[in-house]
Amino acid sequence: MPFHCALRAPGAPVRHTGGAVEVEDPDDYTYLAMTASGLLAEAGYGFTIGGFGTEHWNFDVAYDMSALLEQLPEIQDSLRRGVRYEADLYPQGVERGITFSPSGSTVELRCASRTSWVPDPDTEVHERASLEAMFDRLTHDVASGLRSVCPQVAGLRPFRDWR
């Protein structure tokens, strides 16, 4: 299975948090990514990510997904500009990195594991437009999910720009 990721809405209707959520630092994107992931997890959202020979990497939404969300703006920017980017998926048990190396209309992805899991293959080639669309869909889905769950956080940057 080639590299892929997507946010999955819960099967039941999503409930909004109701009250105000205390946002300690609305200018700290890493903090906001973790807050957003926690809110989506509480609402029952799921996250699928896999590739390099393994269909599901068993990411949880609350913490594992936040590691990708933290780096998502840089991944998207590097793809658009056609420059190399090394994403570090650091959560314990995941511990792998993906290097995105754009070249024209394609992107070579190389996965390096820091656990006993071995990517097979360790390199994949994707159409750049497809990767950009996948990450654009992810940002949109995160923003839409947050809008349903917690409009207060959804109204903060960058989430309001992702819709």
N, C-alpha and C. Protein backbone atom coordinates (compact mmCIF):
# COMPACT_ATOMS: atom_id res chain seq x y z
N MET A 1 0.85 -1.17 0.00
CA MET A 1 0.00 0.00 0.00
C MET A 1 0.90 1.24 0.00
N PRO A 2 0.70 2.14 -0.95
CA PRO A 2 1.50 3.38 -0.99
C PRO A 2 1.14 4.33 0.16
N PHE A 3 2.03 5.28 0.40
CA PHE A 3 1.83 6.24 1.48
C PHE A 3 0.48 6.94 1.32
N HIS A 4 -0.24 7.06 2.44
CA HIS A 4 -1.54 7.73 2.45
C HIS A 4 -1.86 8.18 3.87
N CYS A 5 -2.70 9.18 3.98
CA CYS A 5 -3.21 9.59 5.29
C CYS A 5 -4.55 10.29 5.09
N ALA A 6 -5.42 10.16 6.09
CA ALA A 6 -6.74 10.78 6.03
C ALA A 6 -7.36 10.79 7.41
N LEU A 7 -8.13 11.83 7.68
CA LEU A 7 -8.92 11.93 8.90
C LEU A 7 -10.27 11.28 8.62
N ARG A 8 -10.77 10.49 9.58
CA ARG A 8 -12.08 9.83 9.44
C ARG A 8 -13.04 10.41 10.47
N ALA A 9 -14.19 10.85 9.97
CA ALA A 9 -15.23 11.35 10.87
C ALA A 9 -15.82 10.19 11.66
N PRO A 10 -16.30 10.47 12.87
CA PRO A 10 -16.92 9.40 13.67
C PRO A 10 -18.22 8.94 13.03
N GLY A 11 -18.64 7.71 13.35
CA GLY A 11 -19.87 7.17 12.80
C GLY A 11 -21.11 7.86 13.35
N ALA A 12 -21.06 8.30 14.58
CA ALA A 12 -22.20 8.98 15.21
C ALA A 12 -22.09 10.49 14.96
N PRO A 13 -23.19 11.20 15.12
CA PRO A 13 -23.13 12.66 14.96
C PRO A 13 -22.10 13.28 15.91
N VAL A 14 -21.39 14.26 15.41
CA VAL A 14 -20.35 14.94 16.19
C VAL A 14 -21.00 15.94 17.12
N ARG A 15 -20.55 15.91 18.38
CA ARG A 15 -21.05 16.88 19.35
C ARG A 15 -20.03 17.97 19.59
N HIS A 16 -20.50 19.13 19.62
CA HIS A 16 -19.69 20.32 19.87
C HIS A 16 -19.40 20.40 21.36
N THR A 17 -18.24 20.93 21.71
CA THR A 17 -17.81 20.95 23.10
C THR A 17 -18.75 21.71 24.01
N GLY A 18 -19.57 22.58 23.45
CA GLY A 18 -20.55 23.32 24.26
C GLY A 18 -19.95 24.55 24.90
N GLY A 19 -19.10 24.37 25.86
CA GLY A 19 -18.51 25.51 26.55
C GLY A 19 -17.23 25.99 25.89
N ALA A 20 -16.70 27.03 26.46
CA ALA A 20 -15.45 27.58 25.96
C ALA A 20 -14.29 26.66 26.33
N VAL A 21 -13.33 26.57 25.45
CA VAL A 21 -12.12 25.80 25.69
C VAL A 21 -11.02 26.80 26.00
N GLU A 22 -10.30 26.54 27.07
CA GLU A 22 -9.21 27.45 27.42
C GLU A 22 -8.04 27.22 26.46
N VAL A 23 -7.71 28.24 25.70
CA VAL A 23 -6.60 28.18 24.76
C VAL A 23 -5.48 29.00 25.37
N GLU A 24 -4.45 28.30 25.84
CA GLU A 24 -3.36 28.97 26.56
C GLU A 24 -2.51 29.86 25.67
N ASP A 25 -2.20 29.41 24.46
CA ASP A 25 -1.33 30.20 23.60
C ASP A 25 -1.79 30.09 22.15
N PRO A 26 -2.67 30.99 21.72
CA PRO A 26 -3.23 30.91 20.36
C PRO A 26 -2.20 31.20 19.26
N ASP A 27 -0.99 31.61 19.63
CA ASP A 27 0.05 31.88 18.63
C ASP A 27 1.07 30.75 18.51
N ASP A 28 0.93 29.73 19.33
CA ASP A 28 1.87 28.60 19.30
C ASP A 28 1.26 27.48 18.48
N TYR A 29 1.72 27.33 17.24
CA TYR A 29 1.11 26.35 16.34
C TYR A 29 1.26 24.92 16.85
N THR A 30 2.39 24.57 17.43
CA THR A 30 2.57 23.21 17.94
C THR A 30 1.53 22.92 19.01
N TYR A 31 1.33 23.85 19.91
CA TYR A 31 0.31 23.71 20.95
C TYR A 31 -1.08 23.57 20.34
N LEU A 32 -1.38 24.39 19.33
CA LEU A 32 -2.69 24.33 18.68
C LEU A 32 -2.91 23.00 17.97
N ALA A 33 -1.86 22.46 17.33
CA ALA A 33 -1.97 21.16 16.66
C ALA A 33 -2.31 20.07 17.67
N MET A 34 -1.66 20.13 18.83
CA MET A 34 -1.94 19.14 19.88
C MET A 34 -3.35 19.33 20.45
N THR A 35 -3.77 20.57 20.64
CA THR A 35 -5.11 20.86 21.14
C THR A 35 -6.16 20.36 20.15
N ALA A 36 -5.97 20.67 18.88
CA ALA A 36 -6.92 20.24 17.84
C ALA A 36 -7.01 18.73 17.78
N SER A 37 -5.88 18.05 17.83
CA SER A 37 -5.87 16.59 17.78
C SER A 37 -6.62 16.01 18.98
N GLY A 38 -6.40 16.59 20.15
CA GLY A 38 -7.10 16.12 21.35
C GLY A 38 -8.61 16.29 21.24
N LEU A 39 -9.03 17.45 20.73
CA LEU A 39 -10.47 17.70 20.57
C LEU A 39 -11.10 16.73 19.57
N LEU A 40 -10.41 16.48 18.46
CA LEU A 40 -10.93 15.56 17.45
C LEU A 40 -10.98 14.13 18.00
N ALA A 41 -9.98 13.76 18.78
CA ALA A 41 -9.98 12.42 19.38
C ALA A 41 -11.16 12.25 20.34
N GLU A 42 -11.39 13.26 21.18
CA GLU A 42 -12.51 13.21 22.13
C GLU A 42 -13.85 13.08 21.42
N ALA A 43 -13.95 13.64 20.23
CA ALA A 43 -15.20 13.59 19.47
C ALA A 43 -15.35 12.29 18.67
N GLY A 44 -14.33 11.44 18.71
CA GLY A 44 -14.43 10.15 18.05
C GLY A 44 -13.85 10.07 16.65
N TYR A 45 -13.10 11.08 16.24
CA TYR A 45 -12.48 11.03 14.92
C TYR A 45 -11.38 9.97 14.92
N GLY A 46 -11.12 9.42 13.74
CA GLY A 46 -10.05 8.46 13.55
C GLY A 46 -9.06 9.00 12.54
N PHE A 47 -7.90 8.39 12.47
CA PHE A 47 -6.87 8.82 11.54
C PHE A 47 -6.23 7.58 10.94
N THR A 48 -6.14 7.58 9.63
CA THR A 48 -5.49 6.48 8.92
C THR A 48 -4.23 7.02 8.28
N ILE A 49 -3.13 6.32 8.50
CA ILE A 49 -1.88 6.63 7.83
C ILE A 49 -1.17 5.31 7.62
N GLY A 50 -0.52 5.19 6.48
CA GLY A 50 0.21 3.97 6.18
C GLY A 50 1.02 4.14 4.92
N GLY A 51 1.68 3.09 4.55
CA GLY A 51 2.51 3.10 3.35
C GLY A 51 3.79 2.34 3.60
N PHE A 52 4.61 2.28 2.59
CA PHE A 52 5.90 1.60 2.68
C PHE A 52 5.72 0.15 3.12
N GLY A 53 4.69 -0.49 2.53
CA GLY A 53 4.45 -1.90 2.77
C GLY A 53 3.49 -2.22 3.90
N THR A 54 3.05 -1.22 4.65
CA THR A 54 2.13 -1.45 5.77
C THR A 54 0.93 -0.54 5.62
N GLU A 55 -0.26 -1.13 5.54
CA GLU A 55 -1.46 -0.35 5.27
C GLU A 55 -1.83 0.59 6.42
N HIS A 56 -1.72 0.12 7.67
CA HIS A 56 -2.11 0.94 8.82
C HIS A 56 -0.95 1.04 9.80
N TRP A 57 -0.57 2.26 10.12
CA TRP A 57 0.50 2.47 11.09
C TRP A 57 -0.02 2.61 12.50
N ASN A 58 -1.31 2.44 12.70
CA ASN A 58 -1.93 2.48 14.02
C ASN A 58 -1.63 3.77 14.79
N PHE A 59 -1.85 4.89 14.12
CA PHE A 59 -1.73 6.20 14.77
C PHE A 59 -2.98 6.47 15.57
N ASP A 60 -2.81 7.01 16.76
CA ASP A 60 -3.98 7.53 17.45
C ASP A 60 -4.13 8.99 17.05
N VAL A 61 -5.31 9.53 17.28
CA VAL A 61 -5.60 10.90 16.85
C VAL A 61 -5.01 11.91 17.84
N ALA A 62 -5.17 11.64 19.13
CA ALA A 62 -4.81 12.62 20.15
C ALA A 62 -3.33 13.00 20.13
N TYR A 63 -2.45 12.04 19.95
CA TYR A 63 -1.03 12.37 20.04
C TYR A 63 -0.27 12.09 18.74
N ASP A 64 -0.40 10.88 18.21
CA ASP A 64 0.38 10.52 17.02
C ASP A 64 0.06 11.44 15.84
N MET A 65 -1.23 11.69 15.61
CA MET A 65 -1.61 12.56 14.49
C MET A 65 -1.08 13.97 14.69
N SER A 66 -1.01 14.42 15.94
CA SER A 66 -0.53 15.78 16.18
C SER A 66 0.90 15.97 15.69
N ALA A 67 1.71 14.91 15.73
CA ALA A 67 3.09 15.01 15.24
C ALA A 67 3.12 15.32 13.75
N LEU A 68 2.18 14.75 12.99
CA LEU A 68 2.09 15.07 11.57
C LEU A 68 1.49 16.46 11.38
N LEU A 69 0.43 16.78 12.14
CA LEU A 69 -0.18 18.11 12.01
C LEU A 69 0.81 19.23 12.31
N GLU A 70 1.69 19.01 13.28
CA GLU A 70 2.69 20.02 13.62
C GLU A 70 3.54 20.40 12.40
N GLN A 71 3.79 19.42 11.55
CA GLN A 71 4.68 19.62 10.42
C GLN A 71 3.95 19.84 9.09
N LEU A 72 2.64 19.73 9.12
CA LEU A 72 1.86 19.81 7.89
C LEU A 72 2.07 21.09 7.09
N PRO A 73 2.08 22.27 7.71
CA PRO A 73 2.32 23.47 6.89
C PRO A 73 3.68 23.44 6.16
N GLU A 74 4.72 22.93 6.84
CA GLU A 74 6.03 22.84 6.20
C GLU A 74 6.05 21.80 5.09
N ILE A 75 5.36 20.68 5.30
CA ILE A 75 5.28 19.66 4.26
C ILE A 75 4.60 20.25 3.02
N GLN A 76 3.46 20.90 3.24
CA GLN A 76 2.73 21.49 2.11
C GLN A 76 3.56 22.55 1.40
N ASP A 77 4.22 23.40 2.17
CA ASP A 77 5.03 24.46 1.58
C ASP A 77 6.19 23.87 0.77
N SER A 78 6.84 22.85 1.31
CA SER A 78 7.96 22.25 0.59
C SER A 78 7.51 21.60 -0.71
N LEU A 79 6.34 20.96 -0.69
CA LEU A 79 5.82 20.36 -1.92
C LEU A 79 5.51 21.44 -2.96
N ARG A 80 4.88 22.51 -2.53
CA ARG A 80 4.53 23.59 -3.47
C ARG A 80 5.77 24.25 -4.05
N ARG A 81 6.80 24.41 -3.22
CA ARG A 81 8.02 25.07 -3.69
C ARG A 81 8.99 24.10 -4.36
N GLY A 82 8.71 22.80 -4.25
CA GLY A 82 9.57 21.80 -4.87
C GLY A 82 10.89 21.62 -4.15
N VAL A 83 10.87 21.75 -2.82
CA VAL A 83 12.10 21.57 -2.04
C VAL A 83 11.96 20.39 -1.08
N ARG A 84 13.07 19.81 -0.73
CA ARG A 84 13.14 18.64 0.14
C ARG A 84 12.70 18.98 1.56
N TYR A 85 12.00 18.03 2.20
CA TYR A 85 11.58 18.21 3.59
C TYR A 85 11.66 16.86 4.30
N GLU A 86 12.16 16.88 5.52
CA GLU A 86 12.22 15.66 6.34
C GLU A 86 11.21 15.78 7.47
N ALA A 87 10.17 14.97 7.41
CA ALA A 87 9.15 14.94 8.46
C ALA A 87 9.56 13.92 9.51
N ASP A 88 9.48 14.30 10.77
CA ASP A 88 9.83 13.42 11.88
C ASP A 88 8.55 13.01 12.60
N LEU A 89 8.17 11.77 12.43
CA LEU A 89 7.00 11.22 13.13
C LEU A 89 7.54 10.55 14.39
N TYR A 90 7.71 11.36 15.42
CA TYR A 90 8.48 11.01 16.60
C TYR A 90 7.76 10.24 17.71
N PRO A 91 6.41 10.16 17.73
CA PRO A 91 5.79 9.51 18.90
C PRO A 91 6.33 8.10 19.14
N GLN A 92 6.44 7.78 20.43
CA GLN A 92 6.94 6.47 20.83
C GLN A 92 6.12 5.37 20.18
N GLY A 93 6.78 4.41 19.62
CA GLY A 93 6.13 3.30 18.92
C GLY A 93 5.99 3.56 17.44
N VAL A 94 5.92 4.82 17.04
CA VAL A 94 5.86 5.19 15.62
C VAL A 94 7.30 5.36 15.13
N GLU A 95 7.96 6.36 15.65
CA GLU A 95 9.38 6.62 15.46
C GLU A 95 9.91 6.33 14.06
N ARG A 96 9.44 7.14 13.12
CA ARG A 96 9.95 7.02 11.76
C ARG A 96 9.98 8.40 11.13
N GLY A 97 10.80 8.54 10.12
CA GLY A 97 10.89 9.78 9.38
C GLY A 97 10.57 9.54 7.92
N ILE A 98 9.99 10.55 7.30
CA ILE A 98 9.72 10.48 5.87
C ILE A 98 10.37 11.69 5.22
N THR A 99 11.21 11.43 4.24
CA THR A 99 11.85 12.50 3.48
C THR A 99 11.10 12.66 2.17
N PHE A 100 10.62 13.88 1.93
CA PHE A 100 9.91 14.23 0.70
C PHE A 100 10.91 14.94 -0.21
N SER A 101 11.19 14.38 -1.37
CA SER A 101 12.15 14.98 -2.30
C SER A 101 11.45 15.21 -3.64
N PRO A 102 10.88 16.42 -3.85
CA PRO A 102 10.21 16.72 -5.11
C PRO A 102 11.19 16.86 -6.27
N SER A 103 10.75 16.41 -7.43
CA SER A 103 11.52 16.55 -8.66
C SER A 103 10.52 16.64 -9.81
N GLY A 104 10.29 17.85 -10.28
CA GLY A 104 9.29 18.03 -11.34
C GLY A 104 7.91 17.68 -10.85
N SER A 105 7.23 16.80 -11.57
CA SER A 105 5.86 16.44 -11.22
C SER A 105 5.77 15.26 -10.26
N THR A 106 6.91 14.73 -9.83
CA THR A 106 6.89 13.60 -8.90
C THR A 106 7.61 13.96 -7.60
N VAL A 107 7.39 13.12 -6.60
CA VAL A 107 8.05 13.28 -5.30
C VAL A 107 8.52 11.90 -4.86
N GLU A 108 9.80 11.80 -4.54
CA GLU A 108 10.31 10.56 -3.96
C GLU A 108 10.14 10.66 -2.46
N LEU A 109 9.52 9.65 -1.87
CA LEU A 109 9.37 9.56 -0.43
C LEU A 109 10.26 8.43 0.06
N ARG A 110 11.08 8.72 1.05
CA ARG A 110 11.94 7.70 1.66
C ARG A 110 11.59 7.63 3.13
N CYS A 111 11.34 6.41 3.61
CA CYS A 111 10.94 6.20 5.00
C CYS A 111 12.08 5.52 5.75
N ALA A 112 12.41 6.07 6.90
CA ALA A 112 13.44 5.49 7.77
C ALA A 112 12.81 5.22 9.13
N SER A 113 12.94 3.99 9.59
CA SER A 113 12.37 3.58 10.87
C SER A 113 13.43 3.62 11.97
N ARG A 114 12.97 4.01 13.17
CA ARG A 114 13.86 3.97 14.33
C ARG A 114 13.36 2.92 15.34
N THR A 115 12.59 1.95 14.82
CA THR A 115 12.10 0.84 15.63
C THR A 115 12.42 -0.46 14.90
N SER A 116 11.88 -1.56 15.37
CA SER A 116 12.11 -2.84 14.70
C SER A 116 11.31 -2.97 13.40
N TRP A 117 10.30 -2.10 13.21
CA TRP A 117 9.53 -2.13 11.97
C TRP A 117 10.44 -1.72 10.81
N VAL A 118 10.34 -2.44 9.70
CA VAL A 118 11.17 -2.16 8.53
C VAL A 118 10.26 -1.82 7.35
N PRO A 119 10.41 -0.60 6.79
CA PRO A 119 9.60 -0.26 5.61
C PRO A 119 10.01 -1.14 4.43
N ASP A 120 9.02 -1.64 3.69
CA ASP A 120 9.31 -2.49 2.53
C ASP A 120 8.26 -2.26 1.46
N PRO A 121 8.58 -1.40 0.50
CA PRO A 121 9.87 -0.79 0.19
C PRO A 121 10.13 0.43 1.08
N ASP A 122 11.37 0.89 1.10
CA ASP A 122 11.67 2.08 1.90
C ASP A 122 11.56 3.36 1.08
N THR A 123 11.32 3.21 -0.22
CA THR A 123 11.19 4.36 -1.11
C THR A 123 9.96 4.20 -1.99
N GLU A 124 9.21 5.28 -2.14
CA GLU A 124 8.05 5.31 -3.03
C GLU A 124 8.12 6.58 -3.86
N VAL A 125 7.54 6.53 -5.05
CA VAL A 125 7.45 7.72 -5.90
C VAL A 125 5.98 8.01 -6.11
N HIS A 126 5.60 9.28 -5.88
CA HIS A 126 4.21 9.71 -6.00
C HIS A 126 4.12 10.91 -6.93
N GLU A 127 2.96 11.09 -7.51
CA GLU A 127 2.69 12.32 -8.27
C GLU A 127 2.58 13.46 -7.27
N ARG A 128 3.28 14.54 -7.54
CA ARG A 128 3.27 15.68 -6.62
C ARG A 128 1.86 16.22 -6.43
N ALA A 129 1.10 16.33 -7.51
CA ALA A 129 -0.26 16.86 -7.42
C ALA A 129 -1.14 15.99 -6.52
N SER A 130 -0.95 14.68 -6.55
CA SER A 130 -1.73 13.77 -5.69
C SER A 130 -1.39 13.95 -4.22
N LEU A 131 -0.11 14.10 -3.92
CA LEU A 131 0.29 14.34 -2.52
C LEU A 131 -0.25 15.68 -2.03
N GLU A 132 -0.12 16.71 -2.86
CA GLU A 132 -0.64 18.02 -2.48
C GLU A 132 -2.14 17.94 -2.21
N ALA A 133 -2.87 17.24 -3.07
CA ALA A 133 -4.32 17.10 -2.89
C ALA A 133 -4.64 16.32 -1.61
N MET A 134 -3.87 15.28 -1.31
CA MET A 134 -4.11 14.49 -0.09
C MET A 134 -3.90 15.37 1.15
N PHE A 135 -2.83 16.15 1.18
CA PHE A 135 -2.57 17.00 2.34
C PHE A 135 -3.56 18.17 2.41
N ASP A 136 -3.98 18.70 1.26
CA ASP A 136 -5.01 19.74 1.25
C ASP A 136 -6.33 19.21 1.82
N ARG A 137 -6.68 17.97 1.45
CA ARG A 137 -7.88 17.33 1.96
C ARG A 137 -7.78 17.15 3.48
N LEU A 138 -6.59 16.76 3.95
CA LEU A 138 -6.39 16.57 5.38
C LEU A 138 -6.58 17.88 6.13
N THR A 139 -5.99 18.97 5.64
CA THR A 139 -6.16 20.25 6.33
C THR A 139 -7.63 20.67 6.33
N HIS A 140 -8.29 20.49 5.21
CA HIS A 140 -9.72 20.83 5.12
C HIS A 140 -10.54 20.00 6.10
N ASP A 141 -10.27 18.71 6.15
CA ASP A 141 -11.04 17.82 7.03
C ASP A 141 -10.79 18.13 8.51
N VAL A 142 -9.54 18.47 8.85
CA VAL A 142 -9.24 18.86 10.23
C VAL A 142 -10.01 20.13 10.58
N ALA A 143 -9.95 21.12 9.70
CA ALA A 143 -10.65 22.39 9.95
C ALA A 143 -12.16 22.19 10.05
N SER A 144 -12.72 21.37 9.16
CA SER A 144 -14.17 21.11 9.19
C SER A 144 -14.56 20.36 10.45
N GLY A 145 -13.74 19.38 10.84
CA GLY A 145 -14.01 18.64 12.06
C GLY A 145 -13.97 19.55 13.27
N LEU A 146 -12.98 20.41 13.32
CA LEU A 146 -12.88 21.35 14.44
C LEU A 146 -14.07 22.30 14.48
N ARG A 147 -14.53 22.69 13.32
CA ARG A 147 -15.69 23.59 13.25
C ARG A 147 -16.91 22.94 13.88
N SER A 148 -17.05 21.63 13.69
CA SER A 148 -18.17 20.90 14.28
C SER A 148 -17.97 20.67 15.78
N VAL A 149 -16.74 20.42 16.18
CA VAL A 149 -16.43 20.05 17.55
C VAL A 149 -16.22 21.26 18.45
N CYS A 150 -15.47 22.24 17.96
CA CYS A 150 -15.11 23.39 18.80
C CYS A 150 -14.89 24.62 17.93
N PRO A 151 -15.95 25.34 17.60
CA PRO A 151 -15.83 26.51 16.74
C PRO A 151 -14.81 27.53 17.24
N GLN A 152 -14.62 27.61 18.55
CA GLN A 152 -13.66 28.55 19.12
C GLN A 152 -12.24 28.26 18.59
N VAL A 153 -11.82 27.00 18.64
CA VAL A 153 -10.49 26.62 18.14
C VAL A 153 -10.47 26.67 16.62
N ALA A 154 -11.56 26.27 15.98
CA ALA A 154 -11.64 26.30 14.51
C ALA A 154 -11.46 27.71 13.96
N GLY A 155 -11.80 28.71 14.78
CA GLY A 155 -11.69 30.10 14.34
C GLY A 155 -10.28 30.66 14.44
N LEU A 156 -9.35 29.89 15.00
CA LEU A 156 -7.97 30.35 15.12
C LEU A 156 -7.17 30.00 13.87
N ARG A 157 -6.12 30.78 13.64
CA ARG A 157 -5.21 30.46 12.54
C ARG A 157 -4.31 29.32 12.97
N PRO A 158 -4.03 28.39 12.12
CA PRO A 158 -4.28 28.36 10.69
C PRO A 158 -5.59 27.67 10.33
N PHE A 159 -6.31 27.12 11.34
CA PHE A 159 -7.48 26.30 11.03
C PHE A 159 -8.53 27.04 10.22
N ARG A 160 -8.78 28.30 10.53
CA ARG A 160 -9.81 29.03 9.78
C ARG A 160 -9.37 29.21 8.32
N ASP A 161 -8.07 29.26 8.06
CA ASP A 161 -7.58 29.40 6.68
C ASP A 161 -7.63 28.06 5.93
N TRP A 162 -7.68 26.96 6.66
CA TRP A 162 -7.69 25.64 6.03
C TRP A 162 -9.05 25.27 5.45
N ARG A 163 -10.11 25.96 5.86
CA ARG A 163 -11.44 25.63 5.32
C ARG A 163 -11.49 26.15 3.93
